[in-house]
Protein backbone atom coordinates (compact mmCIF):
# COMPACT_ATOMS: atom_id res chain seq x y z
CA MET A 1 116.44 -156.15 1.14
CA ALA A 2 115.82 -157.46 4.35
CA LEU A 3 118.08 -159.81 5.62
CA GLU A 4 116.27 -162.72 6.34
CA ASP A 5 118.98 -165.33 8.15
CA ALA A 6 121.92 -165.90 10.23
CA ASP A 7 123.53 -166.66 6.27
CA ASP A 8 123.08 -163.04 4.62
CA LEU A 9 124.51 -161.51 8.22
CA ALA A 10 127.39 -163.82 7.59
CA VAL A 11 128.76 -161.94 4.96
CA PHE A 12 128.89 -158.30 6.81
CA PHE A 13 130.44 -159.18 9.48
CA ASP A 14 133.29 -161.91 7.31
CA THR A 15 136.53 -160.54 8.62
CA GLU A 16 137.70 -160.60 5.39
CA GLU A 17 135.18 -158.12 4.18
CA PHE A 18 134.03 -155.81 6.48
CA ALA A 19 134.16 -156.44 9.84
CA ILE A 20 136.70 -156.94 12.43
CA ALA A 21 137.66 -158.39 15.86
CA ALA A 22 136.75 -156.88 19.05
CA SER A 23 137.13 -157.33 22.95
CA TYR A 24 133.71 -156.33 24.70
CA THR A 25 133.80 -156.47 28.14
CA ALA A 26 130.52 -156.43 30.15
CA SER A 27 129.99 -154.11 33.29
CA GLY A 28 131.69 -156.38 36.26
CA GLY A 29 132.08 -158.74 33.68
CA SER A 30 135.06 -160.74 31.72
CA ALA A 31 136.17 -159.71 28.21
CA VAL A 32 135.04 -161.80 25.30
CA SER A 33 136.07 -161.90 21.64
CA VAL A 34 133.11 -160.37 18.99
CA THR A 35 133.19 -159.32 15.47
CA VAL A 36 132.15 -155.38 14.70
CA VAL A 37 131.48 -153.47 11.73
CA LEU A 38 133.48 -150.30 13.03
CA ASN A 39 131.46 -147.19 10.39
CA ASP A 40 133.22 -144.35 8.89
CA PRO A 41 133.36 -141.99 12.35
CA GLN A 42 132.60 -138.72 9.28
CA VAL A 43 129.09 -137.67 9.52
CA ILE A 44 127.75 -134.96 7.55
CA ALA A 45 124.54 -133.60 8.08
CA SER A 46 122.23 -130.38 6.59
CA VAL A 47 121.10 -127.56 8.39
CA GLY A 48 119.22 -125.50 5.91
CA ARG A 49 122.25 -124.37 3.29
CA HIS A 50 124.78 -125.44 5.34
CA GLY A 51 126.62 -128.87 6.11
CA LEU A 52 127.92 -130.19 9.49
CA LEU A 53 130.70 -132.51 9.78
CA GLN A 54 131.28 -134.53 13.51
CA ARG A 55 133.10 -137.40 14.39
CA ASP A 56 130.84 -139.48 15.42
CA ASP A 57 132.30 -143.53 16.17
CA TYR A 58 129.83 -146.23 16.14
CA ILE A 59 129.94 -150.31 15.71
CA GLN A 60 127.79 -152.63 14.56
CA VAL A 61 127.30 -156.01 16.45
CA ARG A 62 124.96 -159.08 15.72
CA LYS A 63 122.56 -159.29 19.38
CA SER A 64 123.57 -163.04 18.85
CA GLU A 65 127.27 -162.13 20.29
CA VAL A 66 126.11 -159.29 22.58
CA ALA A 67 122.49 -159.88 23.54
CA ASP A 68 122.29 -156.85 25.81
CA PRO A 69 124.79 -153.77 25.56
CA LYS A 70 124.40 -150.90 28.08
CA ALA A 71 126.50 -147.96 29.28
CA GLY A 72 129.39 -148.62 31.06
CA ASP A 73 130.56 -151.75 28.94
CA GLN A 74 133.78 -151.44 27.07
CA TRP A 75 134.78 -152.00 23.80
CA VAL A 76 138.63 -152.43 22.42
CA ILE A 77 139.01 -152.08 18.63
CA ASP A 78 142.39 -152.04 16.89
CA GLY A 79 144.15 -151.41 20.15
CA LEU A 80 141.41 -148.26 21.08
CA THR A 81 139.28 -148.06 24.40
CA TYR A 82 136.03 -147.27 24.14
CA LYS A 83 132.94 -147.01 26.75
CA HIS A 84 129.70 -147.90 25.34
CA GLY A 85 127.31 -144.92 23.84
CA HIS A 86 123.68 -144.68 23.32
CA ARG A 87 122.43 -148.30 21.41
CA GLU A 88 119.65 -148.95 19.47
CA LEU A 89 118.29 -152.50 17.72
CA ASP A 90 117.86 -152.86 14.29
CA PRO A 91 114.22 -153.26 13.18
CA SER A 92 115.13 -157.34 11.89
CA GLY A 93 116.36 -157.35 15.92
CA LYS A 94 119.44 -159.22 14.88
CA ILE A 95 121.77 -155.96 15.10
CA TRP A 96 122.59 -153.28 17.87
CA THR A 97 124.29 -150.14 16.16
CA ILE A 98 126.43 -148.89 18.99
CA ASN A 99 127.77 -145.57 19.73
CA LEU A 100 131.40 -145.22 21.36
CA ASN A 101 132.86 -142.79 23.06
CA LYS A 102 137.08 -142.85 23.30
CA GLN A 103 138.29 -143.13 26.21
């Protein structure tokens, strides 16, 4: 099912449901409050008959809140500080998925 509009996204980015408040600071800029979905940091991958478990912290944030996140930007989530890692825009062009590096 495709996300059609802002109302569809609102459910996922509701802090009463799935999302949490965060602080985003672009490199050289000022902090702004944004809403993010913090995903489960445990990723299980299968390699042949063996599974791998790795910690991979990442968030999803609406492009309408953070238009162009870049390496070096900073995120504060639940009192923990992260540096911005790899980013990827979803096929709809509305949601960034961003890997985080704990500081």
